[in-house]
C-alpha atoms as a PDB file:
ATOM      1  CA  MET A   1       9.130  19.958   0.458  1.00  0.00           C
ATOM      2  CA  ILE A   2       6.049  23.291   0.385  1.00  0.00           C
ATOM      3  CA  PRO A   3       4.774  23.423   3.474  1.00  0.00           C
ATOM      4  CA  ARG A   4       0.700  23.186   2.359  1.00  0.00           C
ATOM      5  CA  PRO A   5      -0.639  26.614   3.448  1.00  0.00           C
ATOM      6  CA  THR A   6      -3.089  26.430   6.481  1.00  0.00           C
ATOM      7  CA  ARG A   7      -6.166  26.580   6.369  1.00  0.00           C
ATOM      8  CA  SER A   8      -8.778  29.021   7.532  1.00  0.00           C
ATOM      9  CA  SER A   9     -11.934  27.261   7.830  1.00  0.00           C
ATOM     10  CA  GLU A  10     -12.960  23.679   8.127  1.00  0.00           C
ATOM     11  CA  PRO A  11     -13.883  22.202   4.567  1.00  0.00           C
ATOM     12  CA  THR A  12     -17.489  20.950   4.583  1.00  0.00           C
ATOM     13  CA  THR A  13     -19.180  19.049   3.276  1.00  0.00           C
ATOM     14  CA  ALA A  14     -19.532  19.868  -0.154  1.00  0.00           C
ATOM     15  CA  GLU A  15     -15.686  20.372  -0.101  1.00  0.00           C
ATOM     16  CA  ALA A  16     -15.884  16.902   0.246  1.00  0.00           C
ATOM     17  CA  GLY A  17     -18.149  15.356  -1.878  1.00  0.00           C
ATOM     18  CA  ALA A  18     -17.164  17.685  -4.711  1.00  0.00           C
ATOM     19  CA  TRP A  19     -13.033  16.381  -4.162  1.00  0.00           C
ATOM     20  CA  ALA A  20     -14.264  13.304  -3.870  1.00  0.00           C
ATOM     21  CA  ASP A  21     -16.405  13.229  -7.544  1.00  0.00           C
ATOM     22  CA  VAL A  22     -13.160  14.221  -8.825  1.00  0.00           C
ATOM     23  CA  LEU A  23     -10.577  11.715  -7.376  1.00  0.00           C
ATOM     24  CA  VAL A  24     -13.209   8.764  -8.945  1.00  0.00           C
ATOM     25  CA  SER A  25     -14.079  10.582 -11.471  1.00  0.00           C
ATOM     26  CA  HIS A  26     -10.889  10.789 -12.783  1.00  0.00           C
ATOM     27  CA  ARG A  27     -10.350   6.510 -11.475  1.00  0.00           C
ATOM     28  CA  LEU A  28      -7.726   7.702  -8.420  1.00  0.00           C
ATOM     29  CA  LEU A  29     -10.327   6.233  -5.904  1.00  0.00           C
ATOM     30  CA  HIS A  30     -12.932   3.352  -7.367  1.00  0.00           C
ATOM     31  CA  ALA A  31     -15.361   4.524  -4.552  1.00  0.00           C
ATOM     32  CA  ALA A  32     -16.537   7.780  -2.588  1.00  0.00           C
ATOM     33  CA  VAL A  33     -19.008   7.521  -0.951  1.00  0.00           C
ATOM     34  CA  LEU A  34     -20.569   9.650   2.363  1.00  0.00           C
ATOM     35  CA  ALA A  35     -22.279   7.846   4.973  1.00  0.00           C
ATOM     36  CA  PRO A  36     -25.287   8.949   7.301  1.00  0.00           C
ATOM     37  CA  THR A  37     -22.921   9.252   9.980  1.00  0.00           C
ATOM     38  CA  GLY A  38     -21.219  11.647   7.881  1.00  0.00           C
ATOM     39  CA  GLN A  39     -18.138   9.440   7.446  1.00  0.00           C
ATOM     40  CA  TRP A  40     -17.080   8.174   4.309  1.00  0.00           C
ATOM     41  CA  LEU A  41     -16.029   5.134   2.861  1.00  0.00           C
ATOM     42  CA  VAL A  42     -13.542   5.073  -0.100  1.00  0.00           C
ATOM     43  CA  GLN A  43     -12.158   2.714  -1.535  1.00  0.00           C
ATOM     44  CA  ARG A  44      -8.776   2.628  -4.117  1.00  0.00           C
ATOM     45  CA  HIS A  45      -9.495  -0.936  -5.987  1.00  0.00           C
ATOM     46  CA  PRO A  46     -11.654  -2.727  -7.423  1.00  0.00           C
ATOM     47  CA  ASP A  47     -10.944  -5.544  -4.187  1.00  0.00           C
ATOM     48  CA  GLY A  48      -9.807  -3.592  -2.251  1.00  0.00           C
ATOM     49  CA  PRO A  49     -10.435  -3.180   1.532  1.00  0.00           C
ATOM     50  CA  VAL A  50     -13.193  -0.175   2.316  1.00  0.00           C
ATOM     51  CA  ARG A  51     -11.064   2.662   4.746  1.00  0.00           C
ATOM     52  CA  VAL A  52     -13.505   4.832   6.853  1.00  0.00           C
ATOM     53  CA  LEU A  53     -12.433   8.308   6.666  1.00  0.00           C
ATOM     54  CA  THR A  54     -14.115  10.005   9.734  1.00  0.00           C
ATOM     55  CA  GLY A  55     -15.234  13.579   7.723  1.00  0.00           C
ATOM     56  CA  PRO A  56     -14.651  15.866   5.790  1.00  0.00           C
ATOM     57  CA  ALA A  57     -11.493  16.773   6.099  1.00  0.00           C
ATOM     58  CA  ALA A  58      -9.975  13.896   6.068  1.00  0.00           C
ATOM     59  CA  VAL A  59     -11.095  13.517   2.679  1.00  0.00           C
ATOM     60  CA  VAL A  60      -9.309  16.669   2.215  1.00  0.00           C
ATOM     61  CA  GLU A  61      -6.671  15.749   2.929  1.00  0.00           C
ATOM     62  CA  LEU A  62      -6.994  12.186   1.135  1.00  0.00           C
ATOM     63  CA  ALA A  63      -6.783  14.074  -2.078  1.00  0.00           C
ATOM     64  CA  ALA A  64      -4.345  16.311  -1.076  1.00  0.00           C
ATOM     65  CA  THR A  65      -2.191  13.173  -0.362  1.00  0.00           C
ATOM     66  CA  ILE A  66      -2.740  11.711  -3.392  1.00  0.00           C
ATOM     67  CA  GLN A  67      -1.911  15.367  -5.383  1.00  0.00           C
ATOM     68  CA  HIS A  68       1.414  15.228  -3.844  1.00  0.00           C
ATOM     69  CA  ARG A  69       1.893  12.032  -4.376  1.00  0.00           C
ATOM     70  CA  ASN A  70       1.140  11.768  -7.979  1.00  0.00           C
ATOM     71  CA  ARG A  71       3.475  15.451  -8.013  1.00  0.00           C
ATOM     72  CA  SER A  72       6.072  14.006  -7.004  1.00  0.00           C
ATOM     73  CA  ALA A  73       6.241  11.416  -8.647  1.00  0.00           C
ATOM     74  CA  ARG A  74       6.436  13.389 -12.355  1.00  0.00           C
ATOM     75  CA  PRO A  75       9.533  14.057 -14.036  1.00  0.00           C
ATOM     76  CA  GLU A  76       9.829  18.094 -13.648  1.00  0.00           C
ATOM     77  CA  SER A  77       8.765  18.859 -17.037  1.00  0.00           C
ATOM     78  CA  GLN A  78      11.587  22.039 -18.231  1.00  0.00           C
END
């Protein structure tokens, strides 16, 4: 497995919002909402449980995890 590169700065709310929009628009998440507390509420399926993410870094980490899972599930094209 290839290790993820380290970041030079913490993710911002704007970056997390952009990733949340991408995940929802590509139907990888049903919903992702920024709460007034700075936490993010995410739901994978319309009838699924709501997860509470602690902040922008958790949203970016979720996006990376979903991206890694999707790439790992794809057969290599040659």
